[in-house]
C-alpha atoms as a PDB file:
ATOM      1  CA  MET A   1      66.270-135.806  50.755  1.00  0.00           C
ATOM      2  CA  PHE A   2      65.361-137.282  47.332  1.00  0.00           C
ATOM      3  CA  ASP A   3      64.577-140.843  46.313  1.00  0.00           C
ATOM      4  CA  SER A   4      65.960-142.582  43.213  1.00  0.00           C
ATOM      5  CA  LYS A   5      63.259-140.959  41.037  1.00  0.00           C
ATOM      6  CA  PHE A   6      64.137-137.502  42.402  1.00  0.00           C
ATOM      7  CA  GLN A   7      60.951-137.258  44.438  1.00  0.00           C
ATOM      8  CA  PRO A   8      61.465-135.236  47.623  1.00  0.00           C
ATOM      9  CA  ILE A   9      61.283-137.353  50.778  1.00  0.00           C
ATOM     10  CA  GLY A  10      61.576-136.771  54.480  1.00  0.00           C
ATOM     11  CA  GLU A  11      60.664-133.813  56.632  1.00  0.00           C
ATOM     12  CA  ARG A  12      61.527-131.193  54.047  1.00  0.00           C
ATOM     13  CA  ALA A  13      59.300-132.656  51.292  1.00  0.00           C
ATOM     14  CA  ALA A  14      56.174-130.849  52.521  1.00  0.00           C
ATOM     15  CA  GLN A  15      58.190-127.704  53.133  1.00  0.00           C
ATOM     16  CA  LEU A  16      59.492-127.807  49.567  1.00  0.00           C
ATOM     17  CA  LYS A  17      56.005-128.303  48.114  1.00  0.00           C
ATOM     18  CA  SER A  18      54.773-125.370  50.176  1.00  0.00           C
ATOM     19  CA  GLN A  19      57.625-123.209  48.869  1.00  0.00           C
ATOM     20  CA  LEU A  20      56.805-124.168  45.277  1.00  0.00           C
ATOM     21  CA  GLY A  21      53.129-123.418  45.901  1.00  0.00           C
ATOM     22  CA  LYS A  22      53.939-119.919  47.130  1.00  0.00           C
ATOM     23  CA  MET A  23      56.086-119.273  44.079  1.00  0.00           C
ATOM     24  CA  VAL A  24      53.477-120.354  41.535  1.00  0.00           C
ATOM     25  CA  ARG A  25      50.593-118.551  43.289  1.00  0.00           C
ATOM     26  CA  ASP A  26      52.428-115.253  42.890  1.00  0.00           C
ATOM     27  CA  GLY A  27      50.485-113.585  40.075  1.00  0.00           C
ATOM     28  CA  ARG A  28      53.341-111.194  39.376  1.00  0.00           C
ATOM     29  CA  ARG A  29      55.567-114.170  38.628  1.00  0.00           C
ATOM     30  CA  ILE A  30      53.057-116.402  36.809  1.00  0.00           C
ATOM     31  CA  PRO A  31      49.841-114.635  35.822  1.00  0.00           C
ATOM     32  CA  LEU A  32      46.665-116.682  36.053  1.00  0.00           C
ATOM     33  CA  THR A  33      45.717-115.212  32.696  1.00  0.00           C
ATOM     34  CA  ILE A  34      48.137-117.603  30.976  1.00  0.00           C
ATOM     35  CA  LEU A  35      46.044-120.425  29.557  1.00  0.00           C
ATOM     36  CA  ASP A  36      48.547-123.255  29.802  1.00  0.00           C
ATOM     37  CA  TRP A  37      51.726-124.008  31.777  1.00  0.00           C
ATOM     38  CA  LYS A  38      53.538-124.613  28.479  1.00  0.00           C
ATOM     39  CA  ALA A  39      53.039-120.907  27.731  1.00  0.00           C
ATOM     40  CA  VAL A  40      54.857-119.829  30.906  1.00  0.00           C
ATOM     41  CA  ASP A  41      58.084-118.146  29.858  1.00  0.00           C
ATOM     42  CA  LEU A  42      61.143-120.411  30.133  1.00  0.00           C
ATOM     43  CA  LYS A  43      62.928-117.578  31.932  1.00  0.00           C
ATOM     44  CA  VAL A  44      60.295-117.728  34.699  1.00  0.00           C
ATOM     45  CA  LYS A  45      60.705-121.491  34.995  1.00  0.00           C
ATOM     46  CA  GLU A  46      64.482-121.056  35.237  1.00  0.00           C
ATOM     47  CA  GLU A  47      64.032-118.411  37.927  1.00  0.00           C
ATOM     48  CA  ILE A  48      61.903-120.848  39.929  1.00  0.00           C
ATOM     49  CA  TRP A  49      64.544-123.549  39.530  1.00  0.00           C
ATOM     50  CA  ASP A  50      67.303-121.124  40.533  1.00  0.00           C
ATOM     51  CA  GLU A  51      65.350-120.157  43.653  1.00  0.00           C
ATOM     52  CA  VAL A  52      64.869-123.821  44.583  1.00  0.00           C
ATOM     53  CA  LYS A  53      68.608-124.468  44.178  1.00  0.00           C
ATOM     54  CA  LYS A  54      69.402-121.372  46.228  1.00  0.00           C
ATOM     55  CA  ASN A  55      67.121-122.449  49.085  1.00  0.00           C
ATOM     56  CA  LEU A  56      68.168-126.101  49.223  1.00  0.00           C
ATOM     57  CA  VAL A  57      71.537-127.687  49.752  1.00  0.00           C
ATOM     58  CA  ASP A  58      72.730-130.268  47.219  1.00  0.00           C
ATOM     59  CA  VAL A  59      69.737-130.279  44.893  1.00  0.00           C
ATOM     60  CA  PRO A  60      70.328-132.875  42.180  1.00  0.00           C
ATOM     61  CA  GLU A  61      69.860-131.672  38.607  1.00  0.00           C
ATOM     62  CA  GLY A  62      67.567-134.661  38.067  1.00  0.00           C
ATOM     63  CA  TYR A  63      65.036-132.985  40.349  1.00  0.00           C
ATOM     64  CA  LYS A  64      64.485-130.099  37.918  1.00  0.00           C
ATOM     65  CA  PRO A  65      61.857-131.798  35.682  1.00  0.00           C
ATOM     66  CA  VAL A  66      60.109-133.193  38.772  1.00  0.00           C
ATOM     67  CA  CYS A  67      60.147-129.738  40.343  1.00  0.00           C
ATOM     68  CA  LEU A  68      58.706-128.022  37.272  1.00  0.00           C
ATOM     69  CA  LYS A  69      56.044-130.706  36.850  1.00  0.00           C
ATOM     70  CA  CYS A  70      55.045-130.137  40.466  1.00  0.00           C
ATOM     71  CA  CYS A  71      54.893-126.381  39.771  1.00  0.00           C
ATOM     72  CA  ASN A  72      52.635-127.069  36.785  1.00  0.00           C
ATOM     73  CA  THR A  73      50.246-129.090  38.963  1.00  0.00           C
ATOM     74  CA  LEU A  74      50.251-126.553  41.792  1.00  0.00           C
ATOM     75  CA  TRP A  75      49.632-123.652  39.383  1.00  0.00           C
ATOM     76  CA  LYS A  76      46.756-125.458  37.642  1.00  0.00           C
ATOM     77  CA  ASP A  77      45.252-126.363  41.029  1.00  0.00           C
ATOM     78  CA  HIS A  78      45.467-122.726  42.121  1.00  0.00           C
ATOM     79  CA  LYS A  79      43.752-121.568  38.943  1.00  0.00           C
ATOM     80  CA  SER A  80      41.083-124.264  39.210  1.00  0.00           C
ATOM     81  CA  LYS A  81      40.368-123.484  42.875  1.00  0.00           C
ATOM     82  CA  THR A  82      40.155-119.779  42.111  1.00  0.00           C
ATOM     83  CA  LYS A  83      37.539-120.506  39.463  1.00  0.00           C
ATOM     84  CA  ALA A  84      35.613-123.008  41.607  1.00  0.00           C
ATOM     85  CA  ASN A  85      35.634-120.950  44.800  1.00  0.00           C
ATOM     86  CA  HIS A  86      35.302-117.405  43.488  1.00  0.00           C
ATOM     87  CA  PHE A  87      33.962-117.398  39.934  1.00  0.00           C
ATOM     88  CA  GLU A  88      31.480-120.286  39.741  1.00  0.00           C
ATOM     89  CA  PRO A  89      29.416-119.430  42.842  1.00  0.00           C
ATOM     90  CA  ASN A  90      29.255-115.764  41.823  1.00  0.00           C
ATOM     91  CA  LYS A  91      29.232-115.861  38.018  1.00  0.00           C
ATOM     92  CA  ASN A  92      25.799-114.243  37.803  1.00  0.00           C
ATOM     93  CA  HIS A  93      26.486-111.605  40.438  1.00  0.00           C
ATOM     94  CA  PRO A  94      26.272-108.098  38.930  1.00  0.00           C
ATOM     95  CA  ASP A  95      29.379-106.942  40.836  1.00  0.00           C
ATOM     96  CA  LEU A  96      31.537-109.978  40.047  1.00  0.00           C
ATOM     97  CA  LEU A  97      34.369-107.875  38.623  1.00  0.00           C
ATOM     98  CA  SER A  98      34.700-106.005  41.907  1.00  0.00           C
ATOM     99  CA  MET A  99      34.769-109.251  43.901  1.00  0.00           C
ATOM    100  CA  VAL A 100      38.489-109.799  43.452  1.00  0.00           C
ATOM    101  CA  PRO A 101      39.627-112.803  45.505  1.00  0.00           C
ATOM    102  CA  PRO A 102      42.383-112.309  48.072  1.00  0.00           C
ATOM    103  CA  GLN A 103      45.879-112.571  46.604  1.00  0.00           C
ATOM    104  CA  ILE A 104      44.595-112.268  43.019  1.00  0.00           C
ATOM    105  CA  ILE A 105      45.721-109.252  41.023  1.00  0.00           C
ATOM    106  CA  ALA A 106      42.659-107.159  40.107  1.00  0.00           C
ATOM    107  CA  ASP A 107      43.610-106.762  36.423  1.00  0.00           C
ATOM    108  CA  GLN A 108      44.077-110.512  36.132  1.00  0.00           C
ATOM    109  CA  TRP A 109      40.690-111.146  37.765  1.00  0.00           C
ATOM    110  CA  THR A 110      39.018-108.971  35.135  1.00  0.00           C
ATOM    111  CA  VAL A 111      40.687-110.935  32.335  1.00  0.00           C
ATOM    112  CA  LEU A 112      39.876-114.281  33.972  1.00  0.00           C
ATOM    113  CA  VAL A 113      36.194-113.409  34.416  1.00  0.00           C
ATOM    114  CA  ALA A 114      35.959-112.328  30.790  1.00  0.00           C
ATOM    115  CA  TYR A 115      37.648-115.523  29.642  1.00  0.00           C
ATOM    116  CA  TRP A 116      35.616-117.859  31.868  1.00  0.00           C
ATOM    117  CA  ASN A 117      32.443-116.234  30.526  1.00  0.00           C
ATOM    118  CA  SER A 118      33.586-116.615  26.916  1.00  0.00           C
ATOM    119  CA  GLU A 119      32.558-119.240  24.396  1.00  0.00           C
ATOM    120  CA  ASP A 120      36.223-120.291  24.091  1.00  0.00           C
ATOM    121  CA  ALA A 121      36.293-121.300  27.765  1.00  0.00           C
ATOM    122  CA  LYS A 122      33.018-123.198  27.439  1.00  0.00           C
ATOM    123  CA  VAL A 123      34.332-125.100  24.403  1.00  0.00           C
ATOM    124  CA  GLU A 124      37.561-125.894  26.274  1.00  0.00           C
ATOM    125  CA  VAL A 125      35.575-127.383  29.182  1.00  0.00           C
ATOM    126  CA  LEU A 126      33.495-129.502  26.803  1.00  0.00           C
ATOM    127  CA  CYS A 127      36.614-130.752  25.008  1.00  0.00           C
ATOM    128  CA  HIS A 128      38.259-131.561  28.336  1.00  0.00           C
ATOM    129  CA  PHE A 129      35.278-133.603  29.550  1.00  0.00           C
ATOM    130  CA  HIS A 130      34.923-135.317  26.191  1.00  0.00           C
ATOM    131  CA  TYR A 131      38.556-136.402  26.455  1.00  0.00           C
ATOM    132  CA  ILE A 132      38.572-137.310  30.171  1.00  0.00           C
ATOM    133  CA  LEU A 133      35.128-138.784  30.756  1.00  0.00           C
ATOM    134  CA  PRO A 134      35.349-141.799  28.425  1.00  0.00           C
ATOM    135  CA  ASN A 135      38.653-142.821  30.043  1.00  0.00           C
ATOM    136  CA  ARG A 136      37.109-142.649  33.504  1.00  0.00           C
ATOM    137  CA  LEU A 137      34.076-144.624  32.428  1.00  0.00           C
ATOM    138  CA  THR A 138      36.153-147.450  30.990  1.00  0.00           C
ATOM    139  CA  SER A 139      38.183-147.770  34.188  1.00  0.00           C
ATOM    140  CA  VAL A 140      35.103-148.182  36.402  1.00  0.00           C
END
């Protein structure tokens, strides 16, 4: 079920990724208002790992860092897609705060909208592109 680098393989690999995706998209478990995966409480990460071990047979301990890295990626993707699909196209809409996307907790949506409209968020985007863009240009 796992290769030598503890990557899931076989039929259950997609099933496992889907399970992890459901866990990290649960806003009660991991609020989207957290700015960075590193700020997610270690207890929450342990609960995710415990749930994975409970649902799978013979999960090697070496899979834990791979599992949590996958959770990080899935959580960031969820947050990014929420912004791209629900905030960006509607950011100038007067009723944006009432346009809570499905499966997003309303209080978290309010905080996210405020943050994404803030100068801090705009600076973060600029810093991200400043860091990423030169690396992409040199690899072309």
